[in-house]
């Protein structure tokens, strides 16, 4: 299991477009990837789950990857964060 904490840097938070980009980037990995805010944990491969997380600017999120290709899935999720910061 790999865990990483991040702070949402996008002024608009995580909304539909970055959620869709994130899901597209990580959906092909067999590992389970979750986003956790406080005590609320969602499947990061679910657009609706990500949106309902309500991650606004400045929110701390924990990324959790579990499974065979967890390192690759975690890296791909990181690329999604970089895309979000530059393009949204």
C-alpha atoms as a PDB file:
ATOM      1  CA  UNK A   1       0.000   0.000   0.000  1.00  0.00           C
ATOM      2  CA  UNK A   2       1.267   3.454  -0.955  1.00  0.00           C
ATOM      3  CA  UNK A   3      -0.092   6.642   0.616  1.00  0.00           C
ATOM      4  CA  UNK A   4       0.595  10.274  -0.238  1.00  0.00           C
ATOM      5  CA  UNK A   5      -0.935  13.493   1.053  1.00  0.00           C
ATOM      6  CA  UNK A   6      -1.493  16.412  -1.296  1.00  0.00           C
ATOM      7  CA  UNK A   7      -3.039  19.880  -1.101  1.00  0.00           C
ATOM      8  CA  UNK A   8      -5.457  20.876  -3.885  1.00  0.00           C
ATOM      9  CA  UNK A   9      -3.801  23.758  -5.762  1.00  0.00           C
ATOM     10  CA  UNK A  10      -6.474  24.441  -8.379  1.00  0.00           C
ATOM     11  CA  UNK A  11      -8.474  27.553  -7.368  1.00  0.00           C
ATOM     12  CA  UNK A  12     -11.656  25.868  -8.622  1.00  0.00           C
ATOM     13  CA  UNK A  13     -10.961  22.676  -6.655  1.00  0.00           C
ATOM     14  CA  UNK A  14     -11.639  19.276  -8.172  1.00  0.00           C
ATOM     15  CA  UNK A  15     -14.672  19.609 -10.431  1.00  0.00           C
ATOM     16  CA  UNK A  16     -15.957  17.597 -13.417  1.00  0.00           C
ATOM     17  CA  UNK A  17     -13.097  18.234 -15.880  1.00  0.00           C
ATOM     18  CA  UNK A  18     -10.163  17.342 -13.591  1.00  0.00           C
ATOM     19  CA  UNK A  19     -12.177  14.413 -12.190  1.00  0.00           C
ATOM     20  CA  UNK A  20     -12.696  13.044 -15.721  1.00  0.00           C
ATOM     21  CA  UNK A  21      -9.012  13.515 -16.580  1.00  0.00           C
ATOM     22  CA  UNK A  22      -7.957  11.704 -13.419  1.00  0.00           C
ATOM     23  CA  UNK A  23     -10.283   8.763 -14.073  1.00  0.00           C
ATOM     24  CA  UNK A  24      -9.056   8.471 -17.689  1.00  0.00           C
ATOM     25  CA  UNK A  25      -5.435   8.379 -16.521  1.00  0.00           C
ATOM     26  CA  UNK A  26      -5.842   5.700 -13.848  1.00  0.00           C
ATOM     27  CA  UNK A  27      -8.718   3.490 -15.048  1.00  0.00           C
ATOM     28  CA  UNK A  28      -6.425   0.972 -16.780  1.00  0.00           C
ATOM     29  CA  UNK A  29      -4.503   0.051 -13.638  1.00  0.00           C
ATOM     30  CA  UNK A  30      -5.554  -3.070 -11.766  1.00  0.00           C
ATOM     31  CA  UNK A  31      -4.693  -1.630  -8.351  1.00  0.00           C
ATOM     32  CA  UNK A  32      -7.332   0.040  -6.208  1.00  0.00           C
ATOM     33  CA  UNK A  33      -6.826   3.784  -5.876  1.00  0.00           C
ATOM     34  CA  UNK A  34      -8.716   5.837  -3.323  1.00  0.00           C
ATOM     35  CA  UNK A  35      -8.912   9.496  -2.409  1.00  0.00           C
ATOM     36  CA  UNK A  36      -9.545  10.291   1.232  1.00  0.00           C
ATOM     37  CA  UNK A  37     -10.667  13.590   2.765  1.00  0.00           C
ATOM     38  CA  UNK A  38     -11.015  13.384   6.526  1.00  0.00           C
ATOM     39  CA  UNK A  39     -12.959  10.179   7.203  1.00  0.00           C
ATOM     40  CA  UNK A  40     -14.524  10.100   3.728  1.00  0.00           C
ATOM     41  CA  UNK A  41     -12.905   7.655   1.243  1.00  0.00           C
ATOM     42  CA  UNK A  42     -13.898   7.314  -2.413  1.00  0.00           C
ATOM     43  CA  UNK A  43     -12.831   5.172  -5.353  1.00  0.00           C
ATOM     44  CA  UNK A  44     -10.592   7.392  -7.528  1.00  0.00           C
ATOM     45  CA  UNK A  45     -11.797   5.544 -10.641  1.00  0.00           C
ATOM     46  CA  UNK A  46     -15.295   7.017 -10.146  1.00  0.00           C
ATOM     47  CA  UNK A  47     -16.007  10.489 -11.544  1.00  0.00           C
ATOM     48  CA  UNK A  48     -19.060  10.879  -9.320  1.00  0.00           C
ATOM     49  CA  UNK A  49     -17.078   9.755  -6.289  1.00  0.00           C
ATOM     50  CA  UNK A  50     -14.390  12.331  -6.962  1.00  0.00           C
ATOM     51  CA  UNK A  51     -16.922  15.124  -7.453  1.00  0.00           C
ATOM     52  CA  UNK A  52     -18.822  14.233  -4.274  1.00  0.00           C
ATOM     53  CA  UNK A  53     -15.562  14.379  -2.342  1.00  0.00           C
ATOM     54  CA  UNK A  54     -15.949  18.173  -2.491  1.00  0.00           C
ATOM     55  CA  UNK A  55     -12.221  18.894  -2.653  1.00  0.00           C
ATOM     56  CA  UNK A  56     -11.945  22.684  -2.760  1.00  0.00           C
ATOM     57  CA  UNK A  57      -8.808  24.791  -3.115  1.00  0.00           C
ATOM     58  CA  UNK A  58      -6.462  24.207  -0.174  1.00  0.00           C
ATOM     59  CA  UNK A  59      -8.058  20.904   0.863  1.00  0.00           C
ATOM     60  CA  UNK A  60      -5.713  18.142   2.023  1.00  0.00           C
ATOM     61  CA  UNK A  61      -6.358  14.829   0.253  1.00  0.00           C
ATOM     62  CA  UNK A  62      -4.745  11.473   0.912  1.00  0.00           C
ATOM     63  CA  UNK A  63      -4.121   9.252  -2.125  1.00  0.00           C
ATOM     64  CA  UNK A  64      -4.045   5.538  -1.370  1.00  0.00           C
ATOM     65  CA  UNK A  65      -3.013   2.877  -3.903  1.00  0.00           C
ATOM     66  CA  UNK A  66      -3.260  -0.843  -3.144  1.00  0.00           C
ATOM     67  CA  UNK A  67      -2.513  -3.778  -5.430  1.00  0.00           C
ATOM     68  CA  UNK A  68      -0.169  -5.260  -8.007  1.00  0.00           C
ATOM     69  CA  UNK A  69       0.671  -2.108  -9.954  1.00  0.00           C
ATOM     70  CA  UNK A  70       0.142   0.400  -7.145  1.00  0.00           C
ATOM     71  CA  UNK A  71       3.365   2.300  -7.827  1.00  0.00           C
ATOM     72  CA  UNK A  72       2.462   2.855 -11.487  1.00  0.00           C
ATOM     73  CA  UNK A  73      -1.104   3.849 -10.578  1.00  0.00           C
ATOM     74  CA  UNK A  74       0.148   6.312  -7.971  1.00  0.00           C
ATOM     75  CA  UNK A  75       2.569   7.829 -10.509  1.00  0.00           C
ATOM     76  CA  UNK A  76      -0.224   8.206 -13.083  1.00  0.00           C
ATOM     77  CA  UNK A  77      -2.405   9.920 -10.513  1.00  0.00           C
ATOM     78  CA  UNK A  78       0.463  12.338  -9.915  1.00  0.00           C
ATOM     79  CA  UNK A  79       0.559  13.150 -13.625  1.00  0.00           C
ATOM     80  CA  UNK A  80      -3.159  13.948 -13.367  1.00  0.00           C
ATOM     81  CA  UNK A  81      -2.442  16.461 -10.608  1.00  0.00           C
ATOM     82  CA  UNK A  82       0.221  18.115 -12.753  1.00  0.00           C
ATOM     83  CA  UNK A  83      -2.174  18.352 -15.716  1.00  0.00           C
ATOM     84  CA  UNK A  84      -4.858  19.835 -13.489  1.00  0.00           C
ATOM     85  CA  UNK A  85      -2.520  22.507 -12.131  1.00  0.00           C
ATOM     86  CA  UNK A  86      -1.466  23.624 -15.609  1.00  0.00           C
ATOM     87  CA  UNK A  87      -4.706  23.436 -17.587  1.00  0.00           C
ATOM     88  CA  UNK A  88      -7.692  24.100 -15.388  1.00  0.00           C
END
